[in-house]
N, C-alpha and C. Protein backbone atom coordinates (compact mmCIF):
# COMPACT_ATOMS: atom_id res chain seq x y z
N UNK A 1 3.83 -22.78 -73.20
CA UNK A 1 2.64 -22.10 -73.66
C UNK A 1 2.86 -20.60 -73.78
N UNK A 2 3.79 -20.07 -73.01
CA UNK A 2 4.03 -18.63 -73.02
C UNK A 2 4.58 -18.16 -74.36
N UNK A 3 5.21 -19.04 -75.11
CA UNK A 3 5.86 -18.67 -76.37
C UNK A 3 4.91 -18.74 -77.56
N UNK A 4 3.70 -19.22 -77.38
CA UNK A 4 2.79 -19.43 -78.51
C UNK A 4 2.48 -18.13 -79.27
N UNK A 5 2.13 -17.02 -78.61
CA UNK A 5 1.87 -15.80 -79.39
C UNK A 5 3.09 -15.35 -80.20
N UNK A 6 4.28 -15.47 -79.62
CA UNK A 6 5.49 -15.12 -80.35
C UNK A 6 5.73 -16.02 -81.54
N UNK A 7 5.45 -17.32 -81.35
CA UNK A 7 5.61 -18.25 -82.47
C UNK A 7 4.62 -17.96 -83.59
N UNK A 8 3.41 -17.55 -83.23
CA UNK A 8 2.43 -17.21 -84.26
C UNK A 8 2.90 -15.99 -85.05
N UNK A 9 3.39 -14.97 -84.36
CA UNK A 9 3.91 -13.78 -85.05
C UNK A 9 5.11 -14.14 -85.91
N UNK A 10 5.98 -15.02 -85.39
CA UNK A 10 7.14 -15.45 -86.17
C UNK A 10 6.71 -16.19 -87.44
N UNK A 11 5.74 -17.07 -87.32
CA UNK A 11 5.27 -17.81 -88.49
C UNK A 11 4.62 -16.89 -89.52
N UNK A 12 3.87 -15.89 -89.05
CA UNK A 12 3.28 -14.92 -89.98
C UNK A 12 4.39 -14.15 -90.69
N UNK A 13 5.40 -13.73 -89.94
CA UNK A 13 6.53 -13.02 -90.54
C UNK A 13 7.29 -13.87 -91.52
N UNK A 14 7.49 -15.13 -91.18
CA UNK A 14 8.20 -16.04 -92.09
C UNK A 14 7.40 -16.26 -93.37
N UNK A 15 6.09 -16.38 -93.24
CA UNK A 15 5.25 -16.54 -94.43
C UNK A 15 5.32 -15.29 -95.31
N UNK A 16 5.32 -14.12 -94.69
CA UNK A 16 5.44 -12.89 -95.47
C UNK A 16 6.81 -12.79 -96.13
N UNK A 17 7.86 -13.16 -95.41
CA UNK A 17 9.20 -13.14 -96.00
C UNK A 17 9.33 -14.09 -97.19
N UNK A 18 8.63 -15.22 -97.11
CA UNK A 18 8.68 -16.19 -98.20
C UNK A 18 7.70 -15.85 -99.32
N UNK A 19 6.84 -14.88 -99.10
CA UNK A 19 5.82 -14.51 -100.08
C UNK A 19 6.31 -14.28 -101.49
N UNK A 20 7.39 -13.52 -101.68
CA UNK A 20 7.84 -13.30 -103.06
C UNK A 20 8.25 -14.57 -103.78
N UNK A 21 8.59 -15.62 -103.07
CA UNK A 21 9.02 -16.85 -103.72
C UNK A 21 7.89 -17.85 -103.92
N UNK A 22 6.88 -17.85 -103.05
CA UNK A 22 5.84 -18.88 -103.19
C UNK A 22 4.54 -18.35 -103.75
N UNK A 23 4.33 -17.04 -103.78
CA UNK A 23 3.07 -16.50 -104.27
C UNK A 23 3.16 -16.18 -105.75
N UNK A 24 2.25 -16.73 -106.51
CA UNK A 24 2.24 -16.46 -107.95
C UNK A 24 1.41 -15.21 -108.27
N UNK A 25 0.65 -14.70 -107.32
CA UNK A 25 -0.21 -13.54 -107.58
C UNK A 25 0.34 -12.24 -106.99
N UNK A 26 1.40 -12.31 -106.22
CA UNK A 26 1.98 -11.11 -105.61
C UNK A 26 2.76 -10.34 -106.67
N UNK A 27 2.38 -9.07 -106.92
CA UNK A 27 3.11 -8.29 -107.92
C UNK A 27 4.54 -7.99 -107.47
N UNK A 28 5.45 -7.90 -108.43
CA UNK A 28 6.85 -7.61 -108.13
C UNK A 28 7.01 -6.28 -107.40
N UNK A 29 6.14 -5.35 -107.67
CA UNK A 29 6.25 -4.04 -107.03
C UNK A 29 5.97 -4.10 -105.54
N UNK A 30 5.32 -5.15 -105.06
CA UNK A 30 5.00 -5.29 -103.63
C UNK A 30 6.06 -6.07 -102.85
N UNK A 31 7.06 -6.61 -103.52
CA UNK A 31 8.07 -7.40 -102.82
C UNK A 31 8.74 -6.64 -101.67
N UNK A 32 9.22 -5.40 -101.88
CA UNK A 32 9.89 -4.73 -100.75
C UNK A 32 8.97 -4.54 -99.54
N UNK A 33 7.72 -4.18 -99.79
CA UNK A 33 6.78 -3.97 -98.69
C UNK A 33 6.52 -5.26 -97.92
N UNK A 34 6.33 -6.35 -98.62
CA UNK A 34 6.06 -7.64 -97.98
C UNK A 34 7.29 -8.11 -97.20
N UNK A 35 8.47 -7.89 -97.73
CA UNK A 35 9.69 -8.31 -97.03
C UNK A 35 9.88 -7.50 -95.76
N UNK A 36 9.63 -6.19 -95.81
CA UNK A 36 9.77 -5.36 -94.61
C UNK A 36 8.75 -5.77 -93.55
N UNK A 37 7.50 -5.96 -93.95
CA UNK A 37 6.49 -6.39 -92.98
C UNK A 37 6.82 -7.77 -92.40
N UNK A 38 7.32 -8.66 -93.22
CA UNK A 38 7.72 -9.98 -92.74
C UNK A 38 8.84 -9.89 -91.73
N UNK A 39 9.80 -9.00 -91.97
CA UNK A 39 10.91 -8.82 -91.03
C UNK A 39 10.41 -8.27 -89.70
N UNK A 40 9.48 -7.33 -89.75
CA UNK A 40 8.92 -6.76 -88.52
C UNK A 40 8.24 -7.86 -87.69
N UNK A 41 7.37 -8.64 -88.33
CA UNK A 41 6.64 -9.68 -87.61
C UNK A 41 7.56 -10.79 -87.12
N UNK A 42 8.49 -11.24 -87.96
CA UNK A 42 9.38 -12.33 -87.56
C UNK A 42 10.28 -11.92 -86.41
N UNK A 43 10.82 -10.70 -86.46
CA UNK A 43 11.74 -10.26 -85.41
C UNK A 43 11.04 -10.11 -84.07
N UNK A 44 9.86 -9.50 -84.05
CA UNK A 44 9.17 -9.35 -82.77
C UNK A 44 8.63 -10.69 -82.29
N UNK A 45 8.30 -11.59 -83.21
CA UNK A 45 7.87 -12.93 -82.83
C UNK A 45 8.98 -13.72 -82.16
N UNK A 46 10.20 -13.62 -82.72
CA UNK A 46 11.34 -14.31 -82.11
C UNK A 46 11.60 -13.73 -80.72
N UNK A 47 11.56 -12.41 -80.61
CA UNK A 47 11.78 -11.77 -79.31
C UNK A 47 10.77 -12.26 -78.28
N UNK A 48 9.50 -12.33 -78.67
CA UNK A 48 8.46 -12.73 -77.72
C UNK A 48 8.52 -14.22 -77.39
N UNK A 49 9.00 -15.04 -78.32
CA UNK A 49 8.99 -16.48 -78.11
C UNK A 49 10.21 -16.99 -77.34
N UNK A 50 11.31 -16.27 -77.40
CA UNK A 50 12.52 -16.74 -76.73
C UNK A 50 12.42 -16.59 -75.22
N UNK A 51 12.98 -17.54 -74.49
CA UNK A 51 12.98 -17.41 -73.03
C UNK A 51 13.95 -16.32 -72.59
N UNK A 52 13.72 -15.80 -71.40
CA UNK A 52 14.57 -14.72 -70.89
C UNK A 52 15.98 -15.20 -70.57
N UNK A 53 16.20 -16.49 -70.57
CA UNK A 53 17.54 -17.02 -70.32
C UNK A 53 18.44 -16.91 -71.55
N UNK A 54 17.93 -16.39 -72.67
CA UNK A 54 18.72 -16.18 -73.89
C UNK A 54 18.80 -14.69 -74.19
N UNK A 55 19.45 -13.91 -73.36
CA UNK A 55 19.40 -12.45 -73.50
C UNK A 55 20.06 -11.93 -74.78
N UNK A 56 21.11 -12.56 -75.24
CA UNK A 56 21.80 -12.05 -76.43
C UNK A 56 20.94 -12.19 -77.68
N UNK A 57 20.32 -13.33 -77.86
CA UNK A 57 19.47 -13.53 -79.03
C UNK A 57 18.21 -12.65 -78.94
N UNK A 58 17.71 -12.48 -77.74
CA UNK A 58 16.56 -11.58 -77.56
C UNK A 58 16.96 -10.14 -77.91
N UNK A 59 18.14 -9.72 -77.49
CA UNK A 59 18.61 -8.37 -77.82
C UNK A 59 18.77 -8.21 -79.32
N UNK A 60 19.33 -9.20 -79.98
CA UNK A 60 19.52 -9.14 -81.43
C UNK A 60 18.18 -9.06 -82.16
N UNK A 61 17.22 -9.89 -81.77
CA UNK A 61 15.93 -9.87 -82.45
C UNK A 61 15.17 -8.57 -82.17
N UNK A 62 15.28 -8.04 -80.96
CA UNK A 62 14.61 -6.79 -80.66
C UNK A 62 15.26 -5.62 -81.42
N UNK A 63 16.57 -5.64 -81.53
CA UNK A 63 17.26 -4.60 -82.29
C UNK A 63 16.88 -4.68 -83.77
N UNK A 64 16.73 -5.88 -84.31
CA UNK A 64 16.29 -6.03 -85.70
C UNK A 64 14.87 -5.50 -85.88
N UNK A 65 13.99 -5.79 -84.93
CA UNK A 65 12.63 -5.26 -84.99
C UNK A 65 12.64 -3.74 -84.95
N UNK A 66 13.39 -3.17 -84.02
CA UNK A 66 13.41 -1.71 -83.88
C UNK A 66 14.02 -1.05 -85.12
N UNK A 67 15.06 -1.65 -85.68
CA UNK A 67 15.68 -1.07 -86.88
C UNK A 67 14.71 -1.11 -88.06
N UNK A 68 14.02 -2.22 -88.23
CA UNK A 68 13.07 -2.32 -89.34
C UNK A 68 11.91 -1.37 -89.15
N UNK A 69 11.36 -1.31 -87.96
CA UNK A 69 10.25 -0.41 -87.71
C UNK A 69 10.70 1.05 -87.83
N UNK A 70 11.93 1.35 -87.41
CA UNK A 70 12.47 2.70 -87.56
C UNK A 70 12.63 3.08 -89.03
N UNK A 71 13.03 2.12 -89.86
CA UNK A 71 13.14 2.39 -91.30
C UNK A 71 11.76 2.64 -91.92
N UNK A 72 10.76 1.92 -91.46
CA UNK A 72 9.39 2.16 -91.95
C UNK A 72 8.94 3.57 -91.56
N UNK A 73 9.19 3.96 -90.33
CA UNK A 73 8.81 5.31 -89.88
C UNK A 73 9.59 6.38 -90.64
N UNK A 74 10.87 6.14 -90.91
CA UNK A 74 11.66 7.11 -91.68
C UNK A 74 11.14 7.22 -93.11
N UNK A 75 10.75 6.11 -93.70
CA UNK A 75 10.19 6.16 -95.05
C UNK A 75 8.90 6.96 -95.08
N UNK A 76 8.08 6.82 -94.05
CA UNK A 76 6.85 7.60 -93.99
C UNK A 76 7.14 9.09 -93.77
N UNK A 77 8.10 9.39 -92.92
CA UNK A 77 8.43 10.79 -92.65
C UNK A 77 9.01 11.47 -93.89
N UNK A 78 9.67 10.70 -94.73
CA UNK A 78 10.34 11.27 -95.90
C UNK A 78 9.56 11.05 -97.19
N UNK A 79 8.26 10.81 -97.09
CA UNK A 79 7.47 10.66 -98.32
C UNK A 79 7.50 11.95 -99.12
N UNK A 80 7.38 11.85 -100.42
CA UNK A 80 7.40 13.06 -101.24
C UNK A 80 6.22 13.98 -100.90
N UNK A 81 6.42 15.25 -101.15
CA UNK A 81 5.35 16.21 -100.89
C UNK A 81 4.29 16.19 -101.98
N UNK A 82 4.66 15.74 -103.18
CA UNK A 82 3.73 15.73 -104.30
C UNK A 82 3.73 14.36 -104.96
N UNK A 83 2.58 13.91 -105.47
CA UNK A 83 2.53 12.60 -106.13
C UNK A 83 3.31 12.61 -107.44
N UNK A 84 3.59 11.42 -107.94
CA UNK A 84 4.28 11.27 -109.21
C UNK A 84 3.35 11.60 -110.37
N UNK A 85 3.87 11.51 -111.60
CA UNK A 85 3.06 11.84 -112.77
C UNK A 85 1.80 10.97 -112.92
N UNK A 86 1.85 9.76 -112.40
CA UNK A 86 0.69 8.87 -112.51
C UNK A 86 -0.32 9.07 -111.37
N UNK A 87 -0.04 10.02 -110.46
CA UNK A 87 -0.96 10.31 -109.37
C UNK A 87 -0.77 9.46 -108.14
N UNK A 88 0.26 8.60 -108.12
CA UNK A 88 0.52 7.75 -106.96
C UNK A 88 1.77 8.24 -106.25
N UNK A 89 1.99 7.72 -105.07
CA UNK A 89 3.12 8.11 -104.23
C UNK A 89 4.15 7.00 -104.20
N UNK A 90 5.41 7.37 -104.09
CA UNK A 90 6.49 6.42 -103.89
C UNK A 90 6.97 6.59 -102.45
N UNK A 91 6.79 5.55 -101.65
CA UNK A 91 7.17 5.60 -100.23
C UNK A 91 8.24 4.57 -99.99
N UNK A 92 9.41 5.02 -99.58
CA UNK A 92 10.51 4.11 -99.29
C UNK A 92 10.94 3.30 -100.49
N UNK A 93 10.84 3.85 -101.67
CA UNK A 93 11.24 3.14 -102.88
C UNK A 93 10.17 2.24 -103.46
N UNK A 94 9.03 2.14 -102.79
CA UNK A 94 7.92 1.31 -103.28
C UNK A 94 6.91 2.24 -103.94
N UNK A 95 6.73 2.09 -105.23
CA UNK A 95 5.84 2.97 -105.98
C UNK A 95 4.41 2.43 -105.98
N UNK A 96 3.47 3.31 -106.31
CA UNK A 96 2.11 2.88 -106.55
C UNK A 96 1.15 3.05 -105.40
N UNK A 97 1.53 3.78 -104.34
CA UNK A 97 0.59 4.00 -103.25
C UNK A 97 -0.42 5.07 -103.67
N UNK A 98 -1.70 4.77 -103.52
CA UNK A 98 -2.75 5.73 -103.86
C UNK A 98 -3.24 6.40 -102.59
N UNK A 99 -3.38 7.71 -102.65
CA UNK A 99 -3.85 8.48 -101.51
C UNK A 99 -4.60 9.69 -102.03
N UNK A 100 -5.54 10.17 -101.23
CA UNK A 100 -6.34 11.31 -101.66
C UNK A 100 -5.61 12.63 -101.44
N UNK A 101 -4.63 12.64 -100.54
CA UNK A 101 -3.91 13.87 -100.25
C UNK A 101 -2.54 13.53 -99.70
N UNK A 102 -1.62 14.50 -99.68
CA UNK A 102 -0.29 14.23 -99.14
C UNK A 102 -0.33 13.98 -97.63
N UNK A 103 0.75 13.42 -97.13
CA UNK A 103 0.85 13.14 -95.70
C UNK A 103 0.89 14.46 -94.94
N UNK A 104 0.05 14.61 -93.89
CA UNK A 104 0.02 15.87 -93.13
C UNK A 104 1.35 16.12 -92.42
N UNK A 105 1.62 17.37 -92.14
CA UNK A 105 2.88 17.74 -91.49
C UNK A 105 3.00 17.12 -90.11
N UNK A 106 1.88 17.03 -89.35
CA UNK A 106 1.94 16.47 -88.00
C UNK A 106 2.27 14.98 -88.05
N UNK A 107 1.80 14.28 -89.09
CA UNK A 107 2.10 12.85 -89.21
C UNK A 107 3.57 12.64 -89.57
N UNK A 108 4.13 13.55 -90.35
CA UNK A 108 5.56 13.48 -90.66
C UNK A 108 6.40 13.69 -89.40
N UNK A 109 5.96 14.61 -88.55
CA UNK A 109 6.70 14.86 -87.30
C UNK A 109 6.63 13.64 -86.39
N UNK A 110 5.45 13.05 -86.26
CA UNK A 110 5.29 11.88 -85.39
C UNK A 110 6.12 10.70 -85.93
N UNK A 111 6.01 10.43 -87.23
CA UNK A 111 6.77 9.29 -87.77
C UNK A 111 8.27 9.59 -87.75
N UNK A 112 8.68 10.84 -87.92
CA UNK A 112 10.10 11.18 -87.81
C UNK A 112 10.61 10.97 -86.39
N UNK A 113 9.80 11.35 -85.40
CA UNK A 113 10.17 11.13 -84.00
C UNK A 113 10.34 9.64 -83.72
N UNK A 114 9.37 8.84 -84.16
CA UNK A 114 9.47 7.40 -83.94
C UNK A 114 10.63 6.78 -84.70
N UNK A 115 10.95 7.32 -85.87
CA UNK A 115 12.11 6.83 -86.62
C UNK A 115 13.39 7.06 -85.83
N UNK A 116 13.53 8.26 -85.27
CA UNK A 116 14.73 8.56 -84.48
C UNK A 116 14.81 7.68 -83.25
N UNK A 117 13.70 7.52 -82.54
CA UNK A 117 13.68 6.70 -81.32
C UNK A 117 13.98 5.24 -81.65
N UNK A 118 13.31 4.70 -82.65
CA UNK A 118 13.48 3.27 -82.98
C UNK A 118 14.88 2.98 -83.53
N UNK A 119 15.37 3.81 -84.43
CA UNK A 119 16.71 3.58 -84.97
C UNK A 119 17.77 3.78 -83.89
N UNK A 120 17.58 4.76 -83.01
CA UNK A 120 18.51 4.95 -81.91
C UNK A 120 18.51 3.77 -80.95
N UNK A 121 17.34 3.23 -80.67
CA UNK A 121 17.24 2.06 -79.81
C UNK A 121 17.94 0.86 -80.44
N UNK A 122 17.76 0.69 -81.74
CA UNK A 122 18.42 -0.43 -82.44
C UNK A 122 19.93 -0.30 -82.38
N UNK A 123 20.44 0.91 -82.63
CA UNK A 123 21.89 1.12 -82.60
C UNK A 123 22.43 0.88 -81.19
N UNK A 124 21.75 1.40 -80.18
CA UNK A 124 22.21 1.20 -78.80
C UNK A 124 22.16 -0.27 -78.40
N UNK A 125 21.11 -0.98 -78.83
CA UNK A 125 21.02 -2.40 -78.52
C UNK A 125 22.14 -3.21 -79.17
N UNK A 126 22.41 -2.92 -80.43
CA UNK A 126 23.50 -3.62 -81.12
C UNK A 126 24.85 -3.24 -80.52
N UNK A 127 25.01 -1.96 -80.16
CA UNK A 127 26.26 -1.52 -79.54
C UNK A 127 26.50 -2.27 -78.22
N UNK A 128 25.47 -2.38 -77.40
CA UNK A 128 25.61 -3.11 -76.15
C UNK A 128 25.90 -4.59 -76.36
N UNK A 129 25.26 -5.17 -77.38
CA UNK A 129 25.50 -6.58 -77.69
C UNK A 129 26.94 -6.80 -78.14
N UNK A 130 27.44 -5.93 -79.01
CA UNK A 130 28.82 -6.06 -79.50
C UNK A 130 29.80 -5.84 -78.36
N UNK A 131 29.53 -4.86 -77.50
CA UNK A 131 30.42 -4.63 -76.35
C UNK A 131 30.43 -5.83 -75.42
N UNK A 132 29.28 -6.45 -75.23
CA UNK A 132 29.23 -7.61 -74.34
C UNK A 132 29.96 -8.80 -74.94
N UNK A 133 29.82 -8.98 -76.25
CA UNK A 133 30.45 -10.13 -76.88
C UNK A 133 31.95 -9.97 -77.06
N UNK A 134 32.40 -8.76 -77.43
CA UNK A 134 33.80 -8.57 -77.81
C UNK A 134 34.55 -7.58 -76.93
N UNK A 135 33.85 -6.86 -76.11
CA UNK A 135 34.49 -5.82 -75.31
C UNK A 135 34.87 -6.30 -73.94
N UNK A 136 34.81 -5.38 -73.03
CA UNK A 136 35.15 -5.69 -71.64
C UNK A 136 33.97 -6.35 -70.94
N UNK A 137 34.29 -7.22 -70.03
CA UNK A 137 33.26 -7.89 -69.24
C UNK A 137 32.67 -6.95 -68.21
N UNK A 138 31.63 -7.37 -67.51
CA UNK A 138 30.97 -6.50 -66.53
C UNK A 138 31.89 -6.14 -65.35
N UNK A 139 32.92 -6.94 -65.11
CA UNK A 139 33.84 -6.64 -63.99
C UNK A 139 35.02 -5.80 -64.43
N UNK A 140 35.06 -5.38 -65.73
CA UNK A 140 36.14 -4.53 -66.20
C UNK A 140 37.29 -5.30 -66.84
N UNK A 141 37.25 -6.63 -66.77
CA UNK A 141 38.31 -7.41 -67.38
C UNK A 141 38.13 -7.49 -68.88
N UNK A 142 39.20 -7.77 -69.61
CA UNK A 142 39.12 -7.88 -71.05
C UNK A 142 38.46 -9.18 -71.44
N UNK A 143 37.68 -9.16 -72.50
CA UNK A 143 37.03 -10.36 -73.01
C UNK A 143 35.63 -10.51 -72.48
N UNK A 144 34.87 -11.39 -73.10
CA UNK A 144 33.48 -11.61 -72.67
C UNK A 144 33.43 -12.31 -71.32
N UNK A 145 32.32 -12.13 -70.61
CA UNK A 145 32.21 -12.80 -69.31
C UNK A 145 32.13 -14.30 -69.48
N UNK A 146 32.60 -15.00 -68.48
CA UNK A 146 32.62 -16.47 -68.57
C UNK A 146 31.39 -17.08 -67.99
C-alpha cells in the first residue's frame, strides 16, 4: 500500500509521455513540454514506489527526476528578455507561451539557483551510482561489492 502514491504519479507520467502518440488533439508544438512533464512525474513516481531495498534503481530514478527538474528550472532562468515578433515567449525551445510581462529578475535568480542545485544533485547521484557499480567497493577493493 505504501507504493500506491508513487504508482499513481508514475502512471500519470507514463500517460503524459505517451501523449504525443495517442492524443489526436495535442498540438505538435506542445510535445516537448508534455514529454518533460511526463519524465518528471514518471521519475519521481518510480522513486516513491520502489522499496528501499533497491537503492541503485531508486538513485537512478531520483537522479533522472532531479536532472529533468533542473533542466526545467534552467529553461525558466534563461527565458528571453523580450517576446518574439508574435508577442509570445519561447521557453526552453517551446514557442507560444503567452505572458503579460517578462519574467522578473528575482524569479530568474530563484530558478537559476534551483537549476544549479538540481543539476548538481543529479550529477552527484549518477557519479555515485557509477562509482558503486564500476569503481571501488566500500572496503577499498577493486570492483563492485558482492
